[in-house]
Amino acid sequence: MKKTILLDSARITLFSSLLIAPLAWQPANAASACKGMEQTACETNAECRWQAGYTRKDNVQVASHCRALPKKKEAATEPAKTVDKPSTP
């Protein structure tokens, strides 16, 4: 009897975990809002920029594409501390 209850409890826990895990998992790099945009749409979006096609050092051709602009860092609330150097005579 106890063994059956323990197995049922384990099955329920495993089943629940399998259902919830895909919802809780998030990829490290979410897809950019700029990905796949046409050039005109990209150039009008303030969060994106158009990257012209180029050839890498290994001779691979990279097609033109839309890229997200880098995110700006928030301004520091405190000014940076400076280290005073002792004056030498």
C-alpha atoms as a PDB file:
ATOM      1  CA  MET A   1       0.000   0.000   0.000  1.00  0.00           C
ATOM      2  CA  LYS A   2       2.728   2.479   0.978  1.00  0.00           C
ATOM      3  CA  LYS A   3       4.761   1.469  -2.054  1.00  0.00           C
ATOM      4  CA  THR A   4       1.837   2.206  -4.380  1.00  0.00           C
ATOM      5  CA  ILE A   5       1.251   5.629  -2.847  1.00  0.00           C
ATOM      6  CA  LEU A   6       4.956   6.429  -3.136  1.00  0.00           C
ATOM      7  CA  LEU A   7       5.020   5.384  -6.798  1.00  0.00           C
ATOM      8  CA  ASP A   8       1.876   7.387  -7.558  1.00  0.00           C
ATOM      9  CA  SER A   9       3.387  10.430  -5.876  1.00  0.00           C
ATOM     10  CA  ALA A  10       6.602  10.058  -7.879  1.00  0.00           C
ATOM     11  CA  ARG A  11       4.651   9.683 -11.134  1.00  0.00           C
ATOM     12  CA  ILE A  12       2.588  12.795 -10.421  1.00  0.00           C
ATOM     13  CA  THR A  13       5.732  14.785  -9.586  1.00  0.00           C
ATOM     14  CA  LEU A  14       7.506  13.611 -12.730  1.00  0.00           C
ATOM     15  CA  PHE A  15       4.481  14.256 -14.935  1.00  0.00           C
ATOM     16  CA  SER A  16       3.993  17.733 -13.458  1.00  0.00           C
ATOM     17  CA  SER A  17       7.665  18.567 -13.973  1.00  0.00           C
ATOM     18  CA  LEU A  18       7.500  17.474 -17.607  1.00  0.00           C
ATOM     19  CA  LEU A  19       4.484  19.704 -18.180  1.00  0.00           C
ATOM     20  CA  ILE A  20       5.896  22.774 -16.432  1.00  0.00           C
ATOM     21  CA  ALA A  21       9.554  22.609 -17.566  1.00  0.00           C
ATOM     22  CA  PRO A  22       8.958  23.800 -21.161  1.00  0.00           C
ATOM     23  CA  LEU A  23       6.986  26.770 -19.860  1.00  0.00           C
ATOM     24  CA  ALA A  24       9.670  27.783 -17.372  1.00  0.00           C
ATOM     25  CA  TRP A  25      12.641  27.345 -19.696  1.00  0.00           C
ATOM     26  CA  GLN A  26      13.729  30.432 -21.585  1.00  0.00           C
ATOM     27  CA  PRO A  27      16.522  30.544 -24.108  1.00  0.00           C
ATOM     28  CA  ALA A  28      19.587  32.566 -23.179  1.00  0.00           C
ATOM     29  CA  ASN A  29      19.428  34.607 -26.359  1.00  0.00           C
ATOM     30  CA  ALA A  30      15.908  35.567 -27.255  1.00  0.00           C
ATOM     31  CA  ALA A  31      15.265  36.303 -30.905  1.00  0.00           C
ATOM     32  CA  SER A  32      15.708  39.957 -31.800  1.00  0.00           C
ATOM     33  CA  ALA A  33      12.711  42.035 -32.834  1.00  0.00           C
ATOM     34  CA  CYS A  34      14.831  43.134 -35.806  1.00  0.00           C
ATOM     35  CA  LYS A  35      15.483  39.619 -37.088  1.00  0.00           C
ATOM     36  CA  GLY A  36      14.108  39.019 -40.582  1.00  0.00           C
ATOM     37  CA  MET A  37      13.055  42.626 -41.257  1.00  0.00           C
ATOM     38  CA  GLU A  38      13.301  44.071 -44.740  1.00  0.00           C
ATOM     39  CA  GLN A  39      15.714  46.973 -45.250  1.00  0.00           C
ATOM     40  CA  THR A  40      13.076  49.738 -45.341  1.00  0.00           C
ATOM     41  CA  ALA A  41      11.353  48.509 -42.170  1.00  0.00           C
ATOM     42  CA  CYS A  42      14.708  48.063 -40.450  1.00  0.00           C
ATOM     43  CA  GLU A  43      15.901  51.559 -41.260  1.00  0.00           C
ATOM     44  CA  THR A  44      12.702  53.128 -39.893  1.00  0.00           C
ATOM     45  CA  ASN A  45      12.836  51.178 -36.614  1.00  0.00           C
ATOM     46  CA  ALA A  46      14.725  53.093 -33.878  1.00  0.00           C
ATOM     47  CA  GLU A  47      15.875  49.839 -32.232  1.00  0.00           C
ATOM     48  CA  CYS A  48      17.460  48.398 -35.386  1.00  0.00           C
ATOM     49  CA  ARG A  49      20.167  49.102 -37.930  1.00  0.00           C
ATOM     50  CA  TRP A  50      20.851  47.716 -41.406  1.00  0.00           C
ATOM     51  CA  GLN A  51      24.091  45.754 -41.760  1.00  0.00           C
ATOM     52  CA  ALA A  52      25.449  45.739 -45.309  1.00  0.00           C
ATOM     53  CA  GLY A  53      26.682  42.422 -46.685  1.00  0.00           C
ATOM     54  CA  TYR A  54      30.362  41.608 -46.359  1.00  0.00           C
ATOM     55  CA  THR A  55      32.965  38.885 -46.809  1.00  0.00           C
ATOM     56  CA  ARG A  56      34.559  37.375 -43.704  1.00  0.00           C
ATOM     57  CA  LYS A  57      38.268  36.569 -43.437  1.00  0.00           C
ATOM     58  CA  ASP A  58      37.493  32.925 -44.233  1.00  0.00           C
ATOM     59  CA  ASN A  59      35.860  34.041 -47.553  1.00  0.00           C
ATOM     60  CA  VAL A  60      32.301  33.337 -46.400  1.00  0.00           C
ATOM     61  CA  GLN A  61      29.790  35.789 -47.850  1.00  0.00           C
ATOM     62  CA  VAL A  62      27.455  37.296 -45.239  1.00  0.00           C
ATOM     63  CA  ALA A  63      24.212  38.676 -46.671  1.00  0.00           C
ATOM     64  CA  SER A  64      22.825  42.092 -45.710  1.00  0.00           C
ATOM     65  CA  HIS A  65      20.543  41.882 -42.699  1.00  0.00           C
ATOM     66  CA  CYS A  66      18.840  43.855 -39.949  1.00  0.00           C
ATOM     67  CA  ARG A  67      20.507  43.961 -36.523  1.00  0.00           C
ATOM     68  CA  ALA A  68      19.385  45.176 -33.128  1.00  0.00           C
ATOM     69  CA  LEU A  69      21.232  48.186 -31.738  1.00  0.00           C
ATOM     70  CA  PRO A  70      23.246  47.501 -28.580  1.00  0.00           C
ATOM     71  CA  LYS A  71      21.356  48.193 -25.389  1.00  0.00           C
ATOM     72  CA  LYS A  72      22.504  51.268 -23.517  1.00  0.00           C
ATOM     73  CA  LYS A  73      23.792  50.824 -19.997  1.00  0.00           C
ATOM     74  CA  GLU A  74      21.962  52.732 -17.295  1.00  0.00           C
ATOM     75  CA  ALA A  75      23.807  55.752 -15.930  1.00  0.00           C
ATOM     76  CA  ALA A  76      25.535  55.128 -12.636  1.00  0.00           C
ATOM     77  CA  THR A  77      23.777  56.686  -9.670  1.00  0.00           C
ATOM     78  CA  GLU A  78      27.050  57.579  -7.986  1.00  0.00           C
ATOM     79  CA  PRO A  79      29.983  59.268  -9.707  1.00  0.00           C
ATOM     80  CA  ALA A  80      33.033  57.091 -10.230  1.00  0.00           C
ATOM     81  CA  LYS A  81      35.526  57.268  -7.420  1.00  0.00           C
ATOM     82  CA  THR A  82      38.931  58.653  -8.259  1.00  0.00           C
ATOM     83  CA  VAL A  83      42.107  57.662  -6.539  1.00  0.00           C
ATOM     84  CA  ASP A  84      44.188  60.580  -5.365  1.00  0.00           C
ATOM     85  CA  LYS A  85      47.860  60.075  -6.067  1.00  0.00           C
ATOM     86  CA  PRO A  86      50.213  61.474  -3.479  1.00  0.00           C
ATOM     87  CA  SER A  87      52.187  64.392  -4.808  1.00  0.00           C
ATOM     88  CA  THR A  88      55.929  63.936  -5.019  1.00  0.00           C
ATOM     89  CA  PRO A  89      58.251  66.858  -4.279  1.00  0.00           C
END
